[in-house]
Amino acid sequence: MVSARRTRIDWAHCIRDLVNVHYPDAERIVLVQDNLNTHTPASLYAAFPPAEAKRLADRLEIHYTPKHGSWLNMAEIELAMLAQQCLDRRLPDQPTLEREVEAWKASRNRAGRGVNWRFTTEDARIKLKHLYPTTQG
């Protein structure tokens, strides 16, 4: 969703659109997102009456990406591709930006590309040694 700002109210409206428009029949929506301070259920309560905020929050299962591993975050990788393939030039206005992003998204989804992870658990244990405690056996 393209918006002029990234406030908690904008996020709440994006979530309502996700629940009501994109996945109206889903019992539960599993949402993987970054740790931005506006990306919390509290934002729903700031934007909507309590009953509506609770209805939306109850449909979500939120998982936050680790702060120290943003380079492993598939969403971050996808946003980098968007920037590289679609936003690498000046766009005159928000409607043009929305059309360009929508066309890029449709193309990416049709292609069904995946991520070829070459970073193994062993690599992680070496590179992120401070995050993996060792035990003496």
Foldseek 3Di string as FASTA:
>chain_A
DDDPDDALLVLLVVLCCCCVPVPVPQQADEAEEADPVSPDLVSNVVHDPPVRSVVSVNRYDYDHDDPVPVVVDPVSVVVVCCCVPQVVDDDDDDVRVVVSVVVVVVVCVVVPDDDDDPCDPVNCCVVVVVVDDDDDD
